[in-house]
Amino acid sequence: MRESKPKKCMMPSCDKETFDKKAFFCREHTRVFESFVSTAKKVAEVGVPAAAGAALFVAKVIGGKKK
């Protein structure tokens, strides 16, 4: 059998090996990526309804001034 060469982390300038065959990043960059994703989810949960509420408020204020 042919031995496959180890997979490298996909972050630029990182030459570390991945911890799993299916992983794209080394452990360090996996933690950074997961932290970024969890923060983005929190912002989306709070930000989207807040933006929709703000848009409705602005539309109501602009609509009220026209009369």
PDB file of N, CA and C in Angstrom:
ATOM      1  N   MET A   1       0.830  -1.198   0.000  1.00  0.00           N
ATOM      2  CA  MET A   1       0.000   0.000   0.000  1.00  0.00           C
ATOM      3  C   MET A   1       0.868   1.253   0.000  1.00  0.00           C
ATOM      4  N   ARG A   2       0.342   2.255  -0.612  1.00  0.00           N
ATOM      5  CA  ARG A   2       1.049   3.527  -0.679  1.00  0.00           C
ATOM      6  C   ARG A   2       0.694   4.360   0.553  1.00  0.00           C
ATOM      7  N   GLU A   3       1.678   4.965   1.152  1.00  0.00           N
ATOM      8  CA  GLU A   3       1.439   5.808   2.315  1.00  0.00           C
ATOM      9  C   GLU A   3       1.145   7.226   1.847  1.00  0.00           C
ATOM     10  N   SER A   4      -0.013   7.749   2.252  1.00  0.00           N
ATOM     11  CA  SER A   4      -0.380   9.092   1.814  1.00  0.00           C
ATOM     12  C   SER A   4       0.351  10.129   2.653  1.00  0.00           C
ATOM     13  N   LYS A   5       0.679  11.235   2.033  1.00  0.00           N
ATOM     14  CA  LYS A   5       1.387  12.263   2.786  1.00  0.00           C
ATOM     15  C   LYS A   5       0.391  13.018   3.673  1.00  0.00           C
ATOM     16  N   PRO A   6       0.819  13.516   4.809  1.00  0.00           N
ATOM     17  CA  PRO A   6      -0.095  14.171   5.751  1.00  0.00           C
ATOM     18  C   PRO A   6      -0.687  15.455   5.178  1.00  0.00           C
ATOM     19  N   LYS A   7      -1.926  15.711   5.559  1.00  0.00           N
ATOM     20  CA  LYS A   7      -2.625  16.903   5.118  1.00  0.00           C
ATOM     21  C   LYS A   7      -2.135  18.107   5.913  1.00  0.00           C
ATOM     22  N   LYS A   8      -1.983  19.247   5.261  1.00  0.00           N
ATOM     23  CA  LYS A   8      -1.520  20.466   5.917  1.00  0.00           C
ATOM     24  C   LYS A   8      -2.703  21.386   6.210  1.00  0.00           C
ATOM     25  N   CYS A   9      -2.526  22.236   7.208  1.00  0.00           N
ATOM     26  CA  CYS A   9      -3.531  23.232   7.572  1.00  0.00           C
ATOM     27  C   CYS A   9      -3.745  24.179   6.391  1.00  0.00           C
ATOM     28  N   MET A  10      -4.996  24.608   6.164  1.00  0.00           N
ATOM     29  CA  MET A  10      -5.310  25.457   5.013  1.00  0.00           C
ATOM     30  C   MET A  10      -5.114  26.947   5.272  1.00  0.00           C
ATOM     31  N   MET A  11      -4.744  27.313   6.493  1.00  0.00           N
ATOM     32  CA  MET A  11      -4.473  28.714   6.789  1.00  0.00           C
ATOM     33  C   MET A  11      -3.177  29.122   6.104  1.00  0.00           C
ATOM     34  N   PRO A  12      -3.153  30.307   5.511  1.00  0.00           N
ATOM     35  CA  PRO A  12      -1.910  30.761   4.885  1.00  0.00           C
ATOM     36  C   PRO A  12      -0.782  30.856   5.913  1.00  0.00           C
ATOM     37  N   SER A  13       0.376  30.506   5.518  1.00  0.00           N
ATOM     38  CA  SER A  13       1.615  30.534   6.302  1.00  0.00           C
ATOM     39  C   SER A  13       1.591  29.588   7.504  1.00  0.00           C
ATOM     40  N   CYS A  14       0.737  28.590   7.507  1.00  0.00           N
ATOM     41  CA  CYS A  14       0.719  27.581   8.569  1.00  0.00           C
ATOM     42  C   CYS A  14       1.117  26.248   7.943  1.00  0.00           C
ATOM     43  N   ASP A  15       2.182  25.657   8.452  1.00  0.00           N
ATOM     44  CA  ASP A  15       2.682  24.396   7.894  1.00  0.00           C
ATOM     45  C   ASP A  15       2.403  23.205   8.797  1.00  0.00           C
ATOM     46  N   LYS A  16       1.496  23.359   9.762  1.00  0.00           N
ATOM     47  CA  LYS A  16       1.185  22.266  10.683  1.00  0.00           C
ATOM     48  C   LYS A  16       0.304  21.225   9.998  1.00  0.00           C
ATOM     49  N   GLU A  17       0.358  20.021  10.513  1.00  0.00           N
ATOM     50  CA  GLU A  17      -0.482  18.943   9.992  1.00  0.00           C
ATOM     51  C   GLU A  17      -1.851  18.996  10.661  1.00  0.00           C
ATOM     52  N   THR A  18      -2.872  18.530   9.945  1.00  0.00           N
ATOM     53  CA  THR A  18      -4.210  18.464  10.524  1.00  0.00           C
ATOM     54  C   THR A  18      -4.285  17.271  11.473  1.00  0.00           C
ATOM     55  N   PHE A  19      -5.221  17.324  12.402  1.00  0.00           N
ATOM     56  CA  PHE A  19      -5.344  16.264  13.394  1.00  0.00           C
ATOM     57  C   PHE A  19      -6.190  15.098  12.901  1.00  0.00           C
ATOM     58  N   ASP A  20      -6.907  15.305  11.795  1.00  0.00           N
ATOM     59  CA  ASP A  20      -7.799  14.285  11.263  1.00  0.00           C
ATOM     60  C   ASP A  20      -7.734  14.337   9.742  1.00  0.00           C
ATOM     61  N   LYS A  21      -8.040  13.245   9.085  1.00  0.00           N
ATOM     62  CA  LYS A  21      -8.006  13.228   7.619  1.00  0.00           C
ATOM     63  C   LYS A  21      -9.048  14.165   7.006  1.00  0.00           C
ATOM     64  N   LYS A  22     -10.183  14.337   7.698  1.00  0.00           N
ATOM     65  CA  LYS A  22     -11.260  15.171   7.169  1.00  0.00           C
ATOM     66  C   LYS A  22     -11.143  16.632   7.587  1.00  0.00           C
ATOM     67  N   ALA A  23     -10.227  16.953   8.478  1.00  0.00           N
ATOM     68  CA  ALA A  23     -10.087  18.320   8.992  1.00  0.00           C
ATOM     69  C   ALA A  23      -9.406  19.212   7.963  1.00  0.00           C
ATOM     70  N   PHE A  24      -9.783  20.486   7.982  1.00  0.00           N
ATOM     71  CA  PHE A  24      -9.165  21.453   7.079  1.00  0.00           C
ATOM     72  C   PHE A  24      -8.065  22.252   7.769  1.00  0.00           C
ATOM     73  N   PHE A  25      -8.145  22.362   9.098  1.00  0.00           N
ATOM     74  CA  PHE A  25      -7.212  23.192   9.850  1.00  0.00           C
ATOM     75  C   PHE A  25      -6.515  22.382  10.932  1.00  0.00           C
ATOM     76  N   CYS A  26      -5.398  22.915  11.434  1.00  0.00           N
ATOM     77  CA  CYS A  26      -4.741  22.322  12.594  1.00  0.00           C
ATOM     78  C   CYS A  26      -5.584  22.636  13.826  1.00  0.00           C
ATOM     79  N   ARG A  27      -5.227  22.094  14.974  1.00  0.00           N
ATOM     80  CA  ARG A  27      -6.033  22.299  16.199  1.00  0.00           C
ATOM     81  C   ARG A  27      -6.165  23.772  16.552  1.00  0.00           C
ATOM     82  N   GLU A  28      -5.074  24.498  16.457  1.00  0.00           N
ATOM     83  CA  GLU A  28      -5.093  25.919  16.821  1.00  0.00           C
ATOM     84  C   GLU A  28      -6.086  26.704  15.956  1.00  0.00           C
ATOM     85  N   HIS A  29      -6.019  26.519  14.671  1.00  0.00           N
ATOM     86  CA  HIS A  29      -6.895  27.267  13.774  1.00  0.00           C
ATOM     87  C   HIS A  29      -8.324  26.735  13.797  1.00  0.00           C
ATOM     88  N   THR A  30      -8.513  25.473  14.168  1.00  0.00           N
ATOM     89  CA  THR A  30      -9.865  24.938  14.340  1.00  0.00           C
ATOM     90  C   THR A  30     -10.566  25.660  15.479  1.00  0.00           C
ATOM     91  N   ARG A  31      -9.844  25.887  16.581  1.00  0.00           N
ATOM     92  CA  ARG A  31     -10.426  26.611  17.715  1.00  0.00           C
ATOM     93  C   ARG A  31     -10.779  28.036  17.330  1.00  0.00           C
ATOM     94  N   VAL A  32      -9.911  28.692  16.594  1.00  0.00           N
ATOM     95  CA  VAL A  32     -10.173  30.065  16.154  1.00  0.00           C
ATOM     96  C   VAL A  32     -11.402  30.104  15.252  1.00  0.00           C
ATOM     97  N   PHE A  33     -11.494  29.175  14.324  1.00  0.00           N
ATOM     98  CA  PHE A  33     -12.623  29.115  13.397  1.00  0.00           C
ATOM     99  C   PHE A  33     -13.933  28.860  14.134  1.00  0.00           C
ATOM    100  N   GLU A  34     -13.931  27.895  15.079  1.00  0.00           N
ATOM    101  CA  GLU A  34     -15.145  27.601  15.842  1.00  0.00           C
ATOM    102  C   GLU A  34     -15.577  28.788  16.686  1.00  0.00           C
ATOM    103  N   SER A  35     -14.622  29.529  17.232  1.00  0.00           N
ATOM    104  CA  SER A  35     -14.943  30.725  18.008  1.00  0.00           C
ATOM    105  C   SER A  35     -15.585  31.778  17.115  1.00  0.00           C
ATOM    106  N   PHE A  36     -15.060  31.946  15.920  1.00  0.00           N
ATOM    107  CA  PHE A  36     -15.609  32.911  14.969  1.00  0.00           C
ATOM    108  C   PHE A  36     -17.036  32.539  14.570  1.00  0.00           C
ATOM    109  N   VAL A  37     -17.264  31.257  14.311  1.00  0.00           N
ATOM    110  CA  VAL A  37     -18.595  30.802  13.904  1.00  0.00           C
ATOM    111  C   VAL A  37     -19.610  30.995  15.024  1.00  0.00           C
ATOM    112  N   SER A  38     -19.228  30.669  16.257  1.00  0.00           N
ATOM    113  CA  SER A  38     -20.173  30.821  17.371  1.00  0.00           C
ATOM    114  C   SER A  38     -20.493  32.296  17.603  1.00  0.00           C
ATOM    115  N   THR A  39     -19.520  33.178  17.441  1.00  0.00           N
ATOM    116  CA  THR A  39     -19.765  34.620  17.581  1.00  0.00           C
ATOM    117  C   THR A  39     -20.682  35.114  16.474  1.00  0.00           C
ATOM    118  N   ALA A  40     -20.467  34.628  15.255  1.00  0.00           N
ATOM    119  CA  ALA A  40     -21.309  35.034  14.127  1.00  0.00           C
ATOM    120  C   ALA A  40     -22.752  34.581  14.332  1.00  0.00           C
ATOM    121  N   LYS A  41     -22.947  33.400  14.895  1.00  0.00           N
ATOM    122  CA  LYS A  41     -24.306  32.914  15.156  1.00  0.00           C
ATOM    123  C   LYS A  41     -25.003  33.779  16.191  1.00  0.00           C
ATOM    124  N   LYS A  42     -24.264  34.176  17.234  1.00  0.00           N
ATOM    125  CA  LYS A  42     -24.844  35.026  18.275  1.00  0.00           C
ATOM    126  C   LYS A  42     -25.244  36.380  17.699  1.00  0.00           C
ATOM    127  N   VAL A  43     -24.407  36.944  16.860  1.00  0.00           N
ATOM    128  CA  VAL A  43     -24.699  38.240  16.241  1.00  0.00           C
ATOM    129  C   VAL A  43     -25.912  38.115  15.333  1.00  0.00           C
ATOM    130  N   ALA A  44     -26.007  37.022  14.591  1.00  0.00           N
ATOM    131  CA  ALA A  44     -27.142  36.824  13.685  1.00  0.00           C
ATOM    132  C   ALA A  44     -28.443  36.673  14.464  1.00  0.00           C
ATOM    133  N   GLU A  45     -28.393  35.980  15.610  1.00  0.00           N
ATOM    134  CA  GLU A  45     -29.602  35.783  16.406  1.00  0.00           C
ATOM    135  C   GLU A  45     -30.117  37.104  16.966  1.00  0.00           C
ATOM    136  N   VAL A  46     -29.213  37.975  17.367  1.00  0.00           N
ATOM    137  CA  VAL A  46     -29.606  39.255  17.959  1.00  0.00           C
ATOM    138  C   VAL A  46     -29.715  40.337  16.893  1.00  0.00           C
ATOM    139  N   GLY A  47     -28.805  40.327  15.936  1.00  0.00           N
ATOM    140  CA  GLY A  47     -28.713  41.401  14.960  1.00  0.00           C
ATOM    141  C   GLY A  47     -29.831  41.448  13.943  1.00  0.00           C
ATOM    142  N   VAL A  48     -30.251  40.327  13.439  1.00  0.00           N
ATOM    143  CA  VAL A  48     -31.273  40.304  12.394  1.00  0.00           C
ATOM    144  C   VAL A  48     -32.613  40.829  12.903  1.00  0.00           C
ATOM    145  N   PRO A  49     -33.116  40.339  14.041  1.00  0.00           N
ATOM    146  CA  PRO A  49     -34.379  40.903  14.540  1.00  0.00           C
ATOM    147  C   PRO A  49     -34.259  42.381  14.917  1.00  0.00           C
ATOM    148  N   ALA A  50     -33.101  42.780  15.424  1.00  0.00           N
ATOM    149  CA  ALA A  50     -32.902  44.185  15.780  1.00  0.00           C
ATOM    150  C   ALA A  50     -32.902  45.057  14.529  1.00  0.00           C
ATOM    151  N   ALA A  51     -32.273  44.587  13.472  1.00  0.00           N
ATOM    152  CA  ALA A  51     -32.244  45.346  12.220  1.00  0.00           C
ATOM    153  C   ALA A  51     -33.651  45.440  11.619  1.00  0.00           C
ATOM    154  N   ALA A  52     -34.411  44.366  11.700  1.00  0.00           N
ATOM    155  CA  ALA A  52     -35.785  44.387  11.181  1.00  0.00           C
ATOM    156  C   ALA A  52     -36.638  45.351  11.990  1.00  0.00           C
ATOM    157  N   GLY A  53     -36.471  45.342  13.297  1.00  0.00           N
ATOM    158  CA  GLY A  53     -37.214  46.276  14.152  1.00  0.00           C
ATOM    159  C   GLY A  53     -36.839  47.714  13.872  1.00  0.00           C
ATOM    160  N   ALA A  54     -35.553  47.960  13.661  1.00  0.00           N
ATOM    161  CA  ALA A  54     -35.098  49.310  13.354  1.00  0.00           C
ATOM    162  C   ALA A  54     -35.651  49.776  12.007  1.00  0.00           C
ATOM    163  N   ALA A  55     -35.693  48.885  11.036  1.00  0.00           N
ATOM    164  CA  ALA A  55     -36.231  49.239   9.724  1.00  0.00           C
ATOM    165  C   ALA A  55     -37.715  49.580   9.821  1.00  0.00           C
ATOM    166  N   LEU A  56     -38.469  48.809  10.600  1.00  0.00           N
ATOM    167  CA  LEU A  56     -39.894  49.113  10.788  1.00  0.00           C
ATOM    168  C   LEU A  56     -40.082  50.456  11.488  1.00  0.00           C
ATOM    169  N   PHE A  57     -39.239  50.726  12.481  1.00  0.00           N
ATOM    170  CA  PHE A  57     -39.327  51.991  13.199  1.00  0.00           C
ATOM    171  C   PHE A  57     -39.051  53.173  12.273  1.00  0.00           C
ATOM    172  N   VAL A  58     -38.011  53.066  11.470  1.00  0.00           N
ATOM    173  CA  VAL A  58     -37.665  54.135  10.526  1.00  0.00           C
ATOM    174  C   VAL A  58     -38.785  54.318   9.512  1.00  0.00           C
ATOM    175  N   ALA A  59     -39.357  53.219   9.015  1.00  0.00           N
ATOM    176  CA  ALA A  59     -40.440  53.315   8.055  1.00  0.00           C
ATOM    177  C   ALA A  59     -41.672  53.998   8.688  1.00  0.00           C
ATOM    178  N   LYS A  60     -41.932  53.706   9.918  1.00  0.00           N
ATOM    179  CA  LYS A  60     -43.062  54.310  10.619  1.00  0.00           C
ATOM    180  C   LYS A  60     -42.826  55.805  10.836  1.00  0.00           C
ATOM    181  N   VAL A  61     -41.608  56.169  11.211  1.00  0.00           N
ATOM    182  CA  VAL A  61     -41.287  57.588  11.434  1.00  0.00           C
ATOM    183  C   VAL A  61     -41.358  58.362  10.128  1.00  0.00           C
ATOM    184  N   ILE A  62     -40.800  57.788   9.055  1.00  0.00           N
ATOM    185  CA  ILE A  62     -40.853  58.472   7.762  1.00  0.00           C
ATOM    186  C   ILE A  62     -42.286  58.554   7.264  1.00  0.00           C
ATOM    187  N   GLY A  63     -43.053  57.502   7.445  1.00  0.00           N
ATOM    188  CA  GLY A  63     -44.452  57.499   7.027  1.00  0.00           C
ATOM    189  C   GLY A  63     -45.276  58.490   7.830  1.00  0.00           C
ATOM    190  N   GLY A  64     -44.967  58.698   9.090  1.00  0.00           N
ATOM    191  CA  GLY A  64     -45.694  59.639   9.926  1.00  0.00           C
ATOM    192  C   GLY A  64     -45.403  61.087   9.565  1.00  0.00           C
ATOM    193  N   LYS A  65     -44.209  61.374   9.062  1.00  0.00           N
ATOM    194  CA  LYS A  65     -43.822  62.742   8.722  1.00  0.00           C
ATOM    195  C   LYS A  65     -44.445  63.202   7.408  1.00  0.00           C
ATOM    196  N   LYS A  66     -44.798  62.279   6.528  1.00  0.00           N
ATOM    197  CA  LYS A  66     -45.353  62.642   5.246  1.00  0.00           C
ATOM    198  C   LYS A  66     -46.756  63.193   5.375  1.00  0.00           C
ATOM    199  N   LYS A  67     -47.502  62.840   6.400  1.00  0.00           N
ATOM    200  CA  LYS A  67     -48.896  63.261   6.547  1.00  0.00           C
ATOM    201  C   LYS A  67     -49.027  64.668   7.030  1.00  0.00           C
TER     202      LYS A  67
END
